[in-house]
Amino acid sequence: MPDNNDPSKLQEPTPDEEKAAERAAEESPDIEEEYRESTERGANQEGEGKIV
């Protein structure tokens, strides 16, 4: 198994990977609202799926 903790053995990202990372970094304006709603739903969850 390769040693992923050795920086000298890590590969540089491909151009496609760099482009994908740039696209992912552009946040949608809806992300904040969706995150807030998900957090509230999780905090108010009841029943079998509730984590105590």
C-alpha atoms as a PDB file:
ATOM      1  CA  MET A   1       0.000   0.000   0.000  1.00  0.00           C
ATOM      2  CA  PRO A   2       1.413   3.432  -0.898  1.00  0.00           C
ATOM      3  CA  ASP A   3       2.424   5.851   1.815  1.00  0.00           C
ATOM      4  CA  ASN A   4      -0.083   8.680   1.329  1.00  0.00           C
ATOM      5  CA  ASN A   5       1.497  10.696   4.133  1.00  0.00           C
ATOM      6  CA  ASP A   6       4.719  11.247   2.178  1.00  0.00           C
ATOM      7  CA  PRO A   7       4.255  14.484   0.192  1.00  0.00           C
ATOM      8  CA  SER A   8       7.077  13.565  -2.197  1.00  0.00           C
ATOM      9  CA  LYS A   9       5.019  10.595  -3.423  1.00  0.00           C
ATOM     10  CA  LEU A  10       1.765  12.457  -4.053  1.00  0.00           C
ATOM     11  CA  GLN A  11       0.699  13.111  -7.636  1.00  0.00           C
ATOM     12  CA  GLU A  12      -0.173  16.552  -8.920  1.00  0.00           C
ATOM     13  CA  PRO A  13      -3.849  17.012  -9.830  1.00  0.00           C
ATOM     14  CA  THR A  14      -4.749  16.597 -13.470  1.00  0.00           C
ATOM     15  CA  PRO A  15      -6.107  19.588 -15.395  1.00  0.00           C
ATOM     16  CA  ASP A  16      -9.589  18.031 -15.221  1.00  0.00           C
ATOM     17  CA  GLU A  17      -9.297  17.664 -11.441  1.00  0.00           C
ATOM     18  CA  GLU A  18      -8.180  21.289 -11.105  1.00  0.00           C
ATOM     19  CA  LYS A  19     -11.160  22.491 -13.168  1.00  0.00           C
ATOM     20  CA  ALA A  20     -13.539  20.368 -11.084  1.00  0.00           C
ATOM     21  CA  ALA A  21     -12.092  21.822  -7.874  1.00  0.00           C
ATOM     22  CA  GLU A  22     -12.567  25.356  -9.196  1.00  0.00           C
ATOM     23  CA  ARG A  23     -16.200  24.628 -10.101  1.00  0.00           C
ATOM     24  CA  ALA A  24     -16.823  23.096  -6.673  1.00  0.00           C
ATOM     25  CA  ALA A  25     -15.359  26.160  -4.959  1.00  0.00           C
ATOM     26  CA  GLU A  26     -18.031  28.368  -6.528  1.00  0.00           C
ATOM     27  CA  GLU A  27     -20.806  28.190  -3.965  1.00  0.00           C
ATOM     28  CA  SER A  28     -24.418  28.411  -4.956  1.00  0.00           C
ATOM     29  CA  PRO A  29     -26.257  31.208  -3.172  1.00  0.00           C
ATOM     30  CA  ASP A  30     -28.765  28.597  -1.994  1.00  0.00           C
ATOM     31  CA  ILE A  31     -26.188  26.536  -0.100  1.00  0.00           C
ATOM     32  CA  GLU A  32     -26.340  28.628   3.071  1.00  0.00           C
ATOM     33  CA  GLU A  33     -30.130  28.399   3.195  1.00  0.00           C
ATOM     34  CA  GLU A  34     -30.129  24.656   2.494  1.00  0.00           C
ATOM     35  CA  TYR A  35     -27.507  24.068   5.198  1.00  0.00           C
ATOM     36  CA  ARG A  36     -29.490  26.079   7.748  1.00  0.00           C
ATOM     37  CA  GLU A  37     -32.696  24.202   6.939  1.00  0.00           C
ATOM     38  CA  SER A  38     -30.955  20.820   7.173  1.00  0.00           C
ATOM     39  CA  THR A  39     -29.418  21.737  10.512  1.00  0.00           C
ATOM     40  CA  GLU A  40     -32.768  22.812  11.901  1.00  0.00           C
ATOM     41  CA  ARG A  41     -34.456  19.636  10.646  1.00  0.00           C
ATOM     42  CA  GLY A  42     -31.771  17.517  12.270  1.00  0.00           C
ATOM     43  CA  ALA A  43     -31.975  19.416  15.552  1.00  0.00           C
ATOM     44  CA  ASN A  44     -35.750  19.003  15.663  1.00  0.00           C
ATOM     45  CA  GLN A  45     -35.872  15.378  14.549  1.00  0.00           C
ATOM     46  CA  GLU A  46     -38.070  13.017  16.532  1.00  0.00           C
ATOM     47  CA  GLY A  47     -38.651   9.265  16.414  1.00  0.00           C
ATOM     48  CA  GLU A  48     -36.447   6.278  15.644  1.00  0.00           C
ATOM     49  CA  GLY A  49     -33.882   8.200  13.580  1.00  0.00           C
ATOM     50  CA  LYS A  50     -33.101  10.679  16.337  1.00  0.00           C
ATOM     51  CA  ILE A  51     -29.534  10.595  17.567  1.00  0.00           C
ATOM     52  CA  VAL A  52     -29.335  11.189  21.287  1.00  0.00           C
END
